[in-house]
N, C-alpha and C. Protein backbone atom coordinates (compact mmCIF):
# COMPACT_ATOMS: atom_id res chain seq x y z
N LYS A 1 -174.90 107.44 -9.29
CA LYS A 1 -176.26 106.73 -8.30
C LYS A 1 -176.19 105.77 -7.94
N ARG A 2 -176.89 105.11 -6.88
CA ARG A 2 -177.16 103.71 -6.50
C ARG A 2 -176.26 103.30 -5.80
N ALA A 3 -175.89 103.80 -5.06
CA ALA A 3 -174.20 103.62 -4.45
C ALA A 3 -175.43 102.76 -2.54
N THR A 4 -174.51 101.52 -3.20
CA THR A 4 -175.18 100.32 -2.26
C THR A 4 -173.68 99.31 -1.94
N PHE A 5 -173.77 98.70 -0.33
CA PHE A 5 -173.02 97.79 -0.37
C PHE A 5 -173.67 96.18 -0.32
N SER A 6 -172.12 96.09 -0.80
CA SER A 6 -172.53 94.67 -1.15
C SER A 6 -171.95 93.52 -0.56
N SER A 7 -171.88 93.28 0.82
CA SER A 7 -170.43 91.88 1.53
C SER A 7 -171.30 90.54 0.84
N THR A 8 -169.41 90.72 0.61
CA THR A 8 -169.33 89.05 0.10
C THR A 8 -167.89 88.75 1.23
N ASN A 9 -167.89 87.49 1.50
CA ASN A 9 -166.25 86.90 2.41
C ASN A 9 -165.95 87.85 3.45
N PHE A 10 -167.06 88.79 3.87
CA PHE A 10 -166.93 89.24 4.96
C PHE A 10 -165.97 90.47 4.59
N GLU A 11 -166.07 91.12 3.64
CA GLU A 11 -166.17 92.74 2.65
C GLU A 11 -166.60 93.54 2.50
N ASN A 12 -166.58 94.30 2.71
CA ASN A 12 -167.93 95.19 2.38
C ASN A 12 -167.39 96.57 1.41
N ILE A 13 -168.13 96.26 0.33
CA ILE A 13 -167.28 96.87 -1.07
C ILE A 13 -168.71 98.65 -1.34
N LEU A 14 -168.49 98.91 -1.55
CA LEU A 14 -169.15 100.28 -1.76
C LEU A 14 -169.29 99.77 -3.36
N THR A 15 -170.40 100.00 -4.04
CA THR A 15 -170.50 100.06 -6.13
C THR A 15 -171.13 101.03 -5.96
N TRP A 16 -170.68 101.50 -7.08
CA TRP A 16 -172.68 103.11 -7.64
C TRP A 16 -172.46 102.36 -8.69
N GLU A 17 -173.32 103.48 -9.50
CA GLU A 17 -172.91 103.49 -10.88
C GLU A 17 -173.47 104.82 -11.53
N THR A 18 -172.87 104.49 -12.84
CA THR A 18 -172.72 106.21 -13.58
C THR A 18 -172.73 106.11 -14.31
N GLU A 19 -173.38 107.91 -14.89
CA GLU A 19 -174.11 108.08 -16.28
C GLU A 19 -173.48 108.16 -17.19
N ALA A 20 -174.30 107.34 -18.28
CA ALA A 20 -173.70 107.00 -19.36
C ALA A 20 -172.84 108.17 -20.08
N ASP A 21 -173.07 109.48 -19.72
CA ASP A 21 -172.43 110.32 -20.58
C ASP A 21 -171.18 110.88 -20.07
N ILE A 22 -170.65 109.97 -18.74
CA ILE A 22 -169.69 110.67 -17.49
C ILE A 22 -168.45 111.36 -18.26
N PRO A 23 -168.05 112.34 -18.22
CA PRO A 23 -167.26 112.49 -18.71
C PRO A 23 -165.39 112.16 -18.92
N PRO A 24 -164.36 111.94 -19.66
CA PRO A 24 -163.78 110.84 -18.78
C PRO A 24 -163.05 111.59 -18.14
N GLY A 25 -162.04 111.57 -17.45
CA GLY A 25 -161.48 111.80 -16.41
C GLY A 25 -162.22 112.36 -15.09
N THR A 26 -163.55 111.40 -14.93
CA THR A 26 -163.81 112.14 -13.86
C THR A 26 -163.04 111.37 -12.94
N VAL A 27 -163.37 111.56 -11.20
CA VAL A 27 -163.23 111.45 -9.86
C VAL A 27 -163.94 110.91 -9.13
N PHE A 28 -163.40 110.05 -7.84
CA PHE A 28 -164.78 110.06 -7.05
C PHE A 28 -163.96 109.63 -6.23
N ASP A 29 -164.70 111.37 -5.01
CA ASP A 29 -164.40 110.97 -3.60
C ASP A 29 -165.21 110.07 -2.78
N VAL A 30 -164.91 108.72 -1.96
CA VAL A 30 -165.83 108.89 -1.10
C VAL A 30 -165.81 108.99 0.44
N GLN A 31 -166.85 108.97 1.13
CA GLN A 31 -167.28 109.16 2.74
C GLN A 31 -168.38 108.40 3.61
N TYR A 32 -167.77 108.46 4.57
CA TYR A 32 -168.61 106.99 5.08
C TYR A 32 -168.85 107.42 6.57
N LYS A 33 -169.69 107.35 7.15
CA LYS A 33 -169.62 107.72 9.18
C LYS A 33 -171.21 106.76 9.45
N GLN A 34 -170.80 106.37 10.89
CA GLN A 34 -171.83 105.47 11.66
C GLN A 34 -172.90 106.18 11.80
N TYR A 35 -174.05 105.49 12.52
CA TYR A 35 -175.00 105.73 12.66
C TYR A 35 -175.11 106.62 13.13
N GLY A 36 -175.61 107.64 13.54
CA GLY A 36 -175.59 109.02 14.54
C GLY A 36 -174.53 109.82 14.54
N GLU A 37 -173.67 109.44 13.78
CA GLU A 37 -172.57 110.60 13.98
C GLU A 37 -173.25 111.77 12.41
N LYS A 38 -172.41 112.68 13.17
CA LYS A 38 -172.97 113.56 12.31
C LYS A 38 -171.99 114.66 11.50
N SER A 39 -170.89 113.55 11.38
CA SER A 39 -169.48 114.46 10.45
C SER A 39 -169.43 112.87 9.73
N TRP A 40 -168.88 112.82 8.57
CA TRP A 40 -168.58 112.51 7.49
C TRP A 40 -167.18 111.99 7.39
N LEU A 41 -166.44 111.06 7.26
CA LEU A 41 -164.66 111.16 6.99
C LEU A 41 -164.89 109.83 5.62
N ASN A 42 -163.70 111.25 5.11
CA ASN A 42 -163.01 110.77 4.24
C ASN A 42 -161.78 109.29 3.92
N LYS A 43 -162.63 108.48 2.86
CA LYS A 43 -161.41 107.24 3.05
C LYS A 43 -160.71 107.85 2.57
N ARG A 44 -159.57 107.22 3.07
CA ARG A 44 -158.23 108.35 2.59
C ARG A 44 -158.09 107.35 0.68
N GLU A 45 -157.68 105.79 1.22
CA GLU A 45 -157.57 105.43 -0.21
C GLU A 45 -158.95 105.28 -1.26
N CYS A 46 -159.66 105.76 -1.10
CA CYS A 46 -160.68 106.15 -1.84
C CYS A 46 -161.23 107.57 -2.93
N GLN A 47 -160.32 108.02 -2.80
CA GLN A 47 -159.67 109.89 -3.27
C GLN A 47 -159.57 110.14 -4.37
N SER A 48 -160.53 110.91 -4.88
CA SER A 48 -160.09 110.93 -6.56
C SER A 48 -159.54 109.64 -7.20
N ILE A 49 -160.63 108.97 -6.65
CA ILE A 49 -160.27 106.86 -7.93
C ILE A 49 -161.29 107.44 -9.31
N THR A 50 -161.08 106.03 -9.96
CA THR A 50 -162.04 106.70 -11.20
C THR A 50 -161.99 105.29 -11.05
N GLN A 51 -161.91 104.37 -10.43
CA GLN A 51 -163.06 102.95 -10.91
C GLN A 51 -164.58 103.06 -9.61
N PRO A 52 -165.55 102.27 -9.83
CA PRO A 52 -166.69 102.80 -9.36
C PRO A 52 -166.89 102.02 -8.39
N PHE A 53 -165.83 101.71 -7.73
CA PHE A 53 -166.42 100.84 -6.12
C PHE A 53 -164.77 101.32 -5.42
N CYS A 54 -165.81 101.09 -3.64
CA CYS A 54 -164.10 101.20 -2.57
C CYS A 54 -164.45 100.47 -1.36
N ASN A 55 -163.24 100.09 -1.50
CA ASN A 55 -163.28 98.73 -0.04
C ASN A 55 -163.83 99.06 1.50
N LEU A 56 -164.74 99.05 1.88
CA LEU A 56 -164.65 100.01 3.15
C LEU A 56 -164.50 99.30 4.14
N THR A 57 -164.55 98.21 4.48
CA THR A 57 -164.44 96.32 4.98
C THR A 57 -163.28 96.93 6.76
N HIS A 58 -162.56 97.66 6.38
CA HIS A 58 -161.98 98.33 7.59
C HIS A 58 -162.66 99.36 8.68
N GLU A 59 -163.07 100.25 7.65
CA GLU A 59 -163.89 101.21 8.76
C GLU A 59 -165.56 100.56 8.88
N THR A 60 -166.18 99.49 8.63
CA THR A 60 -167.53 99.71 8.03
C THR A 60 -167.50 97.56 9.28
N GLU A 61 -166.92 97.51 10.11
CA GLU A 61 -166.12 96.20 10.58
C GLU A 61 -167.10 95.70 11.88
N ASN A 62 -167.98 96.22 12.09
CA ASN A 62 -168.95 96.41 13.62
C ASN A 62 -170.26 96.49 13.34
N PHE A 63 -170.57 94.72 13.04
CA PHE A 63 -171.14 94.43 12.26
C PHE A 63 -172.84 94.82 13.27
N THR A 64 -172.73 95.32 14.46
CA THR A 64 -173.40 95.42 14.99
C THR A 64 -173.98 96.71 14.81
N GLU A 65 -173.18 97.57 14.08
CA GLU A 65 -173.52 99.60 13.72
C GLU A 65 -174.75 99.56 12.88
N HIS A 66 -174.80 100.75 12.26
CA HIS A 66 -175.46 100.70 10.89
C HIS A 66 -174.13 102.35 10.43
N TYR A 67 -174.10 101.95 9.18
CA TYR A 67 -173.21 102.52 8.62
C TYR A 67 -174.30 102.80 6.88
N TYR A 68 -173.48 104.78 6.81
CA TYR A 68 -174.07 105.75 5.59
C TYR A 68 -172.44 105.21 4.67
N ALA A 69 -173.02 106.01 3.98
CA ALA A 69 -171.61 106.07 2.69
C ALA A 69 -172.02 106.91 1.93
N ARG A 70 -171.60 107.41 1.06
CA ARG A 70 -171.36 108.92 -0.55
C ARG A 70 -170.18 108.94 -0.96
N VAL A 71 -171.19 109.11 -2.37
CA VAL A 71 -169.80 109.29 -3.18
C VAL A 71 -170.10 110.25 -3.97
N ARG A 72 -169.39 110.79 -4.04
CA ARG A 72 -168.84 112.61 -5.17
C ARG A 72 -168.70 112.27 -6.13
N ALA A 73 -168.70 113.26 -7.33
CA ALA A 73 -167.75 113.05 -8.43
C ALA A 73 -167.57 114.34 -8.62
């Protein structure tokens, strides 16, 4: 829940909160897309991860565009 972008030192990091009772071994998959695009793209390095963050700097480098991201557990 509450997935948000944090932009610091020209890096765009997606972070999210997890529920307190999340089962051990839960993994996350991150997807992103540019505003206006229909299909979501997988962030290859952020598939089946256990940490609650993902670096999307390279995928969101055009600062004049708007981006969406989502996380699935």
